[in-house]
PDB file of N, CA and C in Angstrom:
ATOM      1  N   MET A   1     138.061 128.452  69.503  1.00  0.00           N
ATOM      2  CA  MET A   1     137.038 129.064  70.300  1.00  0.00           C
ATOM      3  C   MET A   1     136.101 128.012  70.858  1.00  0.00           C
ATOM      4  N   ASP A   2     135.599 128.235  72.075  1.00  0.00           N
ATOM      5  CA  ASP A   2     134.683 127.306  72.732  1.00  0.00           C
ATOM      6  C   ASP A   2     133.246 127.721  72.459  1.00  0.00           C
ATOM      7  N   ALA A   3     132.714 127.230  71.397  1.00  0.00           N
ATOM      8  CA  ALA A   3     131.337 127.561  71.044  1.00  0.00           C
ATOM      9  C   ALA A   3     130.377 126.697  71.870  1.00  0.00           C
ATOM     10  N   GLY A   4     129.417 127.340  72.529  1.00  0.00           N
ATOM     11  CA  GLY A   4     128.427 126.618  73.297  1.00  0.00           C
ATOM     12  C   GLY A   4     128.874 126.185  74.690  1.00  0.00           C
ATOM     13  N   TRP A   5     130.012 126.598  75.134  1.00  0.00           N
ATOM     14  CA  TRP A   5     130.508 126.227  76.450  1.00  0.00           C
ATOM     15  C   TRP A   5     130.673 127.472  77.297  1.00  0.00           C
ATOM     16  N   GLU A   6     129.976 127.474  78.433  1.00  0.00           N
ATOM     17  CA  GLU A   6     130.068 128.626  79.327  1.00  0.00           C
ATOM     18  C   GLU A   6     130.324 128.106  80.734  1.00  0.00           C
ATOM     19  N   GLU A   7     131.285 128.680  81.396  1.00  0.00           N
ATOM     20  CA  GLU A   7     131.625 128.250  82.739  1.00  0.00           C
ATOM     21  C   GLU A   7     131.222 129.334  83.726  1.00  0.00           C
ATOM     22  N   TYR A   8     130.614 128.908  84.823  1.00  0.00           N
ATOM     23  CA  TYR A   8     130.228 129.877  85.836  1.00  0.00           C
ATOM     24  C   TYR A   8     130.394 129.254  87.213  1.00  0.00           C
ATOM     25  N   TYR A   9     130.408 130.083  88.245  1.00  0.00           N
ATOM     26  CA  TYR A   9     130.554 129.649  89.631  1.00  0.00           C
ATOM     27  C   TYR A   9     129.311 130.083  90.407  1.00  0.00           C
ATOM     28  N   ASP A  10     128.783 129.186  91.182  1.00  0.00           N
ATOM     29  CA  ASP A  10     127.632 129.491  92.018  1.00  0.00           C
ATOM     30  C   ASP A  10     128.112 129.516  93.466  1.00  0.00           C
ATOM     31  N   TYR A  11     128.214 130.703  94.029  1.00  0.00           N
ATOM     32  CA  TYR A  11     128.721 130.855  95.384  1.00  0.00           C
ATOM     33  C   TYR A  11     127.582 130.710  96.385  1.00  0.00           C
ATOM     34  N   ILE A  12     127.839 129.939  97.450  1.00  0.00           N
ATOM     35  CA  ILE A  12     126.871 129.778  98.524  1.00  0.00           C
ATOM     36  C   ILE A  12     127.546 130.249  99.806  1.00  0.00           C
ATOM     37  N   PHE A  13     126.976 131.290 100.388  1.00  0.00           N
ATOM     38  CA  PHE A  13     127.530 131.850 101.604  1.00  0.00           C
ATOM     39  C   PHE A  13     126.758 131.317 102.806  1.00  0.00           C
ATOM     40  N   PRO A  14     127.445 130.871 103.855  1.00  0.00           N
ATOM     41  CA  PRO A  14     126.761 130.279 105.001  1.00  0.00           C
ATOM     42  C   PRO A  14     125.842 131.254 105.737  1.00  0.00           C
ATOM     43  N   MET A  15     126.127 132.520 105.706  1.00  0.00           N
ATOM     44  CA  MET A  15     125.314 133.494 106.418  1.00  0.00           C
ATOM     45  C   MET A  15     124.116 133.970 105.601  1.00  0.00           C
ATOM     46  N   ASP A  16     123.999 133.529 104.391  1.00  0.00           N
ATOM     47  CA  ASP A  16     122.893 133.933 103.531  1.00  0.00           C
ATOM     48  C   ASP A  16     121.657 133.118 103.910  1.00  0.00           C
ATOM     49  N   SER A  17     120.656 133.759 104.497  1.00  0.00           N
ATOM     50  CA  SER A  17     119.487 133.033 105.002  1.00  0.00           C
ATOM     51  C   SER A  17     118.505 132.646 103.905  1.00  0.00           C
ATOM     52  N   THR A  18     118.608 133.218 102.729  1.00  0.00           N
ATOM     53  CA  THR A  18     117.654 132.902 101.664  1.00  0.00           C
ATOM     54  C   THR A  18     117.957 131.580 100.979  1.00  0.00           C
ATOM     55  N   THR A  19     119.192 131.127 101.055  1.00  0.00           N
ATOM     56  CA  THR A  19     119.530 129.838 100.431  1.00  0.00           C
ATOM     57  C   THR A  19     119.653 128.784 101.508  1.00  0.00           C
ATOM     58  N   GLU A  20     118.755 127.797 101.460  1.00  0.00           N
ATOM     59  CA  GLU A  20     118.806 126.687 102.400  1.00  0.00           C
ATOM     60  C   GLU A  20     119.392 125.481 101.674  1.00  0.00           C
ATOM     61  N   GLN A  21     120.343 124.855 102.305  1.00  0.00           N
ATOM     62  CA  GLN A  21     120.994 123.729 101.665  1.00  0.00           C
ATOM     63  C   GLN A  21     120.030 122.544 101.635  1.00  0.00           C
ATOM     64  N   PRO A  22     119.743 122.015 100.445  1.00  0.00           N
ATOM     65  CA  PRO A  22     118.740 120.961 100.326  1.00  0.00           C
ATOM     66  C   PRO A  22     119.093 119.680 101.072  1.00  0.00           C
ATOM     67  N   GLN A  23     120.363 119.339 101.176  1.00  0.00           N
ATOM     68  CA  GLN A  23     120.713 118.105 101.858  1.00  0.00           C
ATOM     69  C   GLN A  23     120.411 118.207 103.350  1.00  0.00           C
ATOM     70  N   LEU A  24     120.557 119.384 103.942  1.00  0.00           N
ATOM     71  CA  LEU A  24     120.233 119.541 105.352  1.00  0.00           C
ATOM     72  C   LEU A  24     118.728 119.485 105.567  1.00  0.00           C
ATOM     73  N   LYS A  25     117.975 120.017 104.627  1.00  0.00           N
ATOM     74  CA  LYS A  25     116.523 119.976 104.722  1.00  0.00           C
ATOM     75  C   LYS A  25     116.047 118.525 104.637  1.00  0.00           C
ATOM     76  N   LEU A  26     116.637 117.751 103.761  1.00  0.00           N
ATOM     77  CA  LEU A  26     116.283 116.343 103.618  1.00  0.00           C
ATOM     78  C   LEU A  26     116.588 115.573 104.899  1.00  0.00           C
ATOM     79  N   LEU A  27     117.745 115.830 105.497  1.00  0.00           N
ATOM     80  CA  LEU A  27     118.106 115.155 106.743  1.00  0.00           C
ATOM     81  C   LEU A  27     117.154 115.538 107.878  1.00  0.00           C
ATOM     82  N   ALA A  28     116.761 116.791 107.935  1.00  0.00           N
ATOM     83  CA  ALA A  28     115.833 117.232 108.966  1.00  0.00           C
ATOM     84  C   ALA A  28     114.468 116.562 108.792  1.00  0.00           C
ATOM     85  N   MET A  29     114.013 116.448 107.555  1.00  0.00           N
ATOM     86  CA  MET A  29     112.734 115.790 107.287  1.00  0.00           C
ATOM     87  C   MET A  29     112.808 114.302 107.644  1.00  0.00           C
ATOM     88  N   ALA A  30     113.918 113.653 107.347  1.00  0.00           N
ATOM     89  CA  ALA A  30     114.085 112.242 107.678  1.00  0.00           C
ATOM     90  C   ALA A  30     114.091 112.040 109.190  1.00  0.00           C
ATOM     91  N   HIS A  31     114.740 112.937 109.916  1.00  0.00           N
ATOM     92  CA  HIS A  31     114.774 112.844 111.373  1.00  0.00           C
ATOM     93  C   HIS A  31     113.377 113.028 111.952  1.00  0.00           C
ATOM     94  N   ARG A  32     112.624 113.988 111.431  1.00  0.00           N
ATOM     95  CA  ARG A  32     111.257 114.229 111.888  1.00  0.00           C
ATOM     96  C   ARG A  32     110.374 112.996 111.618  1.00  0.00           C
ATOM     97  N   TRP A  33     110.533 112.384 110.440  1.00  0.00           N
ATOM     98  CA  TRP A  33     109.766 111.183 110.088  1.00  0.00           C
ATOM     99  C   TRP A  33     110.077 110.037 111.054  1.00  0.00           C
ATOM    100  N   LYS A  34     111.360 109.878 111.383  1.00  0.00           N
ATOM    101  CA  LYS A  34     111.758 108.801 112.287  1.00  0.00           C
ATOM    102  C   LYS A  34     111.159 109.009 113.675  1.00  0.00           C
ATOM    103  N   MET A  35     111.158 110.237 114.160  1.00  0.00           N
ATOM    104  CA  MET A  35     110.588 110.526 115.476  1.00  0.00           C
ATOM    105  C   MET A  35     109.083 110.268 115.487  1.00  0.00           C
ATOM    106  N   GLN A  36     108.386 110.655 114.416  1.00  0.00           N
ATOM    107  CA  GLN A  36     106.950 110.408 114.335  1.00  0.00           C
ATOM    108  C   GLN A  36     106.671 108.910 114.301  1.00  0.00           C
ATOM    109  N   LYS A  37     107.476 108.167 113.572  1.00  0.00           N
ATOM    110  CA  LYS A  37     107.306 106.722 113.467  1.00  0.00           C
ATOM    111  C   LYS A  37     107.504 106.063 114.835  1.00  0.00           C
ATOM    112  N   GLU A  38     108.524 106.500 115.576  1.00  0.00           N
ATOM    113  CA  GLU A  38     108.782 105.943 116.899  1.00  0.00           C
ATOM    114  C   GLU A  38     107.674 106.295 117.878  1.00  0.00           C
ATOM    115  N   SER A  39     107.149 107.516 117.808  1.00  0.00           N
ATOM    116  CA  SER A  39     106.075 107.896 118.732  1.00  0.00           C
ATOM    117  C   SER A  39     104.795 107.138 118.417  1.00  0.00           C
ATOM    118  N   ARG A  40     104.513 106.890 117.138  1.00  0.00           N
ATOM    119  CA  ARG A  40     103.334 106.097 116.776  1.00  0.00           C
ATOM    120  C   ARG A  40     103.492 104.651 117.247  1.00  0.00           C
ATOM    121  N   ALA A  41     104.688 104.110 117.131  1.00  0.00           N
ATOM    122  CA  ALA A  41     104.927 102.740 117.584  1.00  0.00           C
ATOM    123  C   ALA A  41     104.765 102.646 119.102  1.00  0.00           C
ATOM    124  N   ALA A  42     105.222 103.640 119.819  1.00  0.00           N
ATOM    125  CA  ALA A  42     105.075 103.646 121.275  1.00  0.00           C
ATOM    126  C   ALA A  42     103.607 103.771 121.661  1.00  0.00           C
ATOM    127  N   ALA A  43     102.839 104.592 120.956  1.00  0.00           N
ATOM    128  CA  ALA A  43     101.415 104.739 121.245  1.00  0.00           C
ATOM    129  C   ALA A  43     100.664 103.450 120.950  1.00  0.00           C
ATOM    130  N   THR A  44     101.022 102.782 119.869  1.00  0.00           N
ATOM    131  CA  THR A  44     100.386 101.512 119.518  1.00  0.00           C
ATOM    132  C   THR A  44     100.711 100.451 120.567  1.00  0.00           C
ATOM    133  N   ALA A  45     101.935 100.422 121.025  1.00  0.00           N
ATOM    134  CA  ALA A  45     102.338  99.455 122.050  1.00  0.00           C
ATOM    135  C   ALA A  45     101.605  99.734 123.357  1.00  0.00           C
ATOM    136  N   ALA A  46     101.425 101.000 123.706  1.00  0.00           N
ATOM    137  CA  ALA A  46     100.715 101.354 124.940  1.00  0.00           C
ATOM    138  C   ALA A  46      99.251 100.956 124.846  1.00  0.00           C
ATOM    139  N   ALA A  47      98.632 101.153 123.680  1.00  0.00           N
ATOM    140  CA  ALA A  47      97.237 100.765 123.485  1.00  0.00           C
ATOM    141  C   ALA A  47      97.086  99.251 123.552  1.00  0.00           C
ATOM    142  N   ALA A  48      98.017  98.519 122.963  1.00  0.00           N
ATOM    143  CA  ALA A  48      97.966  97.063 123.013  1.00  0.00           C
ATOM    144  C   ALA A  48      98.158  96.565 124.439  1.00  0.00           C
ATOM    145  N   ASP A  49      99.022  97.221 125.200  1.00  0.00           N
ATOM    146  CA  ASP A  49      99.256  96.848 126.585  1.00  0.00           C
ATOM    147  C   ASP A  49      98.005  97.103 127.420  1.00  0.00           C
ATOM    148  N   ALA A  50      97.335  98.219 127.177  1.00  0.00           N
ATOM    149  CA  ALA A  50      96.107  98.529 127.902  1.00  0.00           C
ATOM    150  C   ALA A  50      95.010  97.523 127.571  1.00  0.00           C
ATOM    151  N   ALA A  51      94.912  97.127 126.309  1.00  0.00           N
ATOM    152  CA  ALA A  51      93.909  96.133 125.908  1.00  0.00           C
ATOM    153  C   ALA A  51      94.209  94.782 126.543  1.00  0.00           C
ATOM    154  N   ALA A  52      95.458  94.407 126.605  1.00  0.00           N
ATOM    155  CA  ALA A  52      95.841  93.136 127.223  1.00  0.00           C
ATOM    156  C   ALA A  52      95.550  93.160 128.721  1.00  0.00           C
ATOM    157  N   THR A  53      95.780  94.291 129.375  1.00  0.00           N
ATOM    158  CA  THR A  53      95.498  94.418 130.800  1.00  0.00           C
ATOM    159  C   THR A  53      94.003  94.312 131.059  1.00  0.00           C
ATOM    160  N   ALA A  54      93.200  94.959 130.221  1.00  0.00           N
ATOM    161  CA  ALA A  54      91.749  94.892 130.372  1.00  0.00           C
ATOM    162  C   ALA A  54      91.249  93.471 130.160  1.00  0.00           C
ATOM    163  N   ALA A  55      91.799  92.774 129.185  1.00  0.00           N
ATOM    164  CA  ALA A  55      91.404  91.391 128.927  1.00  0.00           C
ATOM    165  C   ALA A  55      91.796  90.499 130.096  1.00  0.00           C
ATOM    166  N   ALA A  56      92.944  90.741 130.694  1.00  0.00           N
ATOM    167  CA  ALA A  56      93.388  89.949 131.833  1.00  0.00           C
ATOM    168  C   ALA A  56      92.488  90.186 133.037  1.00  0.00           C
ATOM    169  N   GLU A  57      92.000  91.406 133.210  1.00  0.00           N
ATOM    170  CA  GLU A  57      91.097  91.704 134.320  1.00  0.00           C
ATOM    171  C   GLU A  57      89.772  90.976 134.147  1.00  0.00           C
ATOM    172  N   VAL A  58      89.273  90.913 132.912  1.00  0.00           N
ATOM    173  CA  VAL A  58      88.016  90.217 132.642  1.00  0.00           C
ATOM    174  C   VAL A  58      88.171  88.732 132.921  1.00  0.00           C
ATOM    175  N   VAL A  59      89.270  88.161 132.483  1.00  0.00           N
ATOM    176  CA  VAL A  59      89.515  86.734 132.690  1.00  0.00           C
ATOM    177  C   VAL A  59      89.690  86.440 134.173  1.00  0.00           C
ATOM    178  N   SER A  60      90.374  87.292 134.902  1.00  0.00           N
ATOM    179  CA  SER A  60      90.622  87.051 136.323  1.00  0.00           C
ATOM    180  C   SER A  60      89.362  87.222 137.165  1.00  0.00           C
ATOM    181  N   SER A  61      88.367  87.964 136.672  1.00  0.00           N
ATOM    182  CA  SER A  61      87.129  88.148 137.434  1.00  0.00           C
ATOM    183  C   SER A  61      86.196  86.958 137.279  1.00  0.00           C
ATOM    184  N   GLY A  62      86.512  86.014 136.400  1.00  0.00           N
ATOM    185  CA  GLY A  62      85.733  84.806 136.250  1.00  0.00           C
ATOM    186  C   GLY A  62      84.648  84.893 135.202  1.00  0.00           C
ATOM    187  N   GLU A  63      84.522  85.969 134.513  1.00  0.00           N
ATOM    188  CA  GLU A  63      83.522  86.116 133.473  1.00  0.00           C
ATOM    189  C   GLU A  63      84.100  85.700 132.138  1.00  0.00           C
ATOM    190  N   SER A  64      83.255  85.147 131.320  1.00  0.00           N
ATOM    191  CA  SER A  64      83.693  84.895 129.957  1.00  0.00           C
ATOM    192  C   SER A  64      83.470  86.170 129.160  1.00  0.00           C
ATOM    193  N   GLU A  65      84.024  86.232 127.961  1.00  0.00           N
ATOM    194  CA  GLU A  65      83.865  87.436 127.149  1.00  0.00           C
ATOM    195  C   GLU A  65      82.407  87.658 126.772  1.00  0.00           C
ATOM    196  N   GLY A  66      81.663  86.586 126.546  1.00  0.00           N
ATOM    197  CA  GLY A  66      80.253  86.714 126.197  1.00  0.00           C
ATOM    198  C   GLY A  66      79.447  87.269 127.348  1.00  0.00           C
ATOM    199  N   GLU A  67      79.723  86.808 128.565  1.00  0.00           N
ATOM    200  CA  GLU A  67      79.024  87.328 129.741  1.00  0.00           C
ATOM    201  C   GLU A  67      79.336  88.792 129.946  1.00  0.00           C
ATOM    202  N   SER A  68      80.576  89.153 129.746  1.00  0.00           N
ATOM    203  CA  SER A  68      80.972  90.550 129.894  1.00  0.00           C
ATOM    204  C   SER A  68      80.279  91.422 128.856  1.00  0.00           C
ATOM    205  N   ALA A  69      80.164  90.939 127.622  1.00  0.00           N
ATOM    206  CA  ALA A  69      79.507  91.705 126.580  1.00  0.00           C
ATOM    207  C   ALA A  69      78.021  91.857 126.859  1.00  0.00           C
ATOM    208  N   ARG A  70      77.365  90.778 127.354  1.00  0.00           N
ATOM    209  CA  ARG A  70      75.944  90.867 127.667  1.00  0.00           C
ATOM    210  C   ARG A  70      75.715  91.813 128.834  1.00  0.00           C
ATOM    211  N   ARG A  71      76.609  91.758 129.803  1.00  0.00           N
ATOM    212  CA  ARG A  71      76.450  92.654 130.961  1.00  0.00           C
ATOM    213  C   ARG A  71      76.579  94.110 130.538  1.00  0.00           C
ATOM    214  N   SER A  72      77.515  94.401 129.641  1.00  0.00           N
ATOM    215  CA  SER A  72      77.680  95.785 129.180  1.00  0.00           C
ATOM    216  C   SER A  72      76.517  96.207 128.300  1.00  0.00           C
ATOM    217  N   ALA A  73      75.821  95.237 127.671  1.00  0.00           N
ATOM    218  CA  ALA A  73      74.676  95.561 126.845  1.00  0.00           C
ATOM    219  C   ALA A  73      73.403  95.709 127.676  1.00  0.00           C
ATOM    220  N   GLY A  74      73.450  95.336 128.961  1.00  0.00           N
ATOM    221  CA  GLY A  74      72.310  95.520 129.819  1.00  0.00           C
ATOM    222  C   GLY A  74      71.500  94.262 130.037  1.00  0.00           C
ATOM    223  N   GLU A  75      71.900  93.119 129.532  1.00  0.00           N
ATOM    224  CA  GLU A  75      71.191  91.869 129.729  1.00  0.00           C
ATOM    225  C   GLU A  75      71.599  91.240 131.050  1.00  0.00           C
ATOM    226  N   SER A  76      70.720  90.418 131.624  1.00  0.00           N
ATOM    227  CA  SER A  76      71.086  89.715 132.839  1.00  0.00           C
ATOM    228  C   SER A  76      71.804  88.423 132.466  1.00  0.00           C
ATOM    229  N   VAL A  77      72.698  88.017 133.336  1.00  0.00           N
ATOM    230  CA  VAL A  77      73.511  86.835 133.059  1.00  0.00           C
ATOM    231  C   VAL A  77      72.904  85.618 133.661  1.00  0.00           C
TER     232      VAL A  77
END
């Protein structure tokens, strides 16, 4: 006799909406994380590009950064 041994089958039906397969949920979460990471990287790159463009405009206008800061603070140059 098999004392302490019980065998059972756990059936998973594809049309059963109450059981969500955990591996698919994990893959969906990983995909969502990757998309968020890529969008944050693109936003950071766009912000850095805008800052570089603004810095280039200041340099091309002939002002130093100190003069630009004083002018924005309301002091005369």
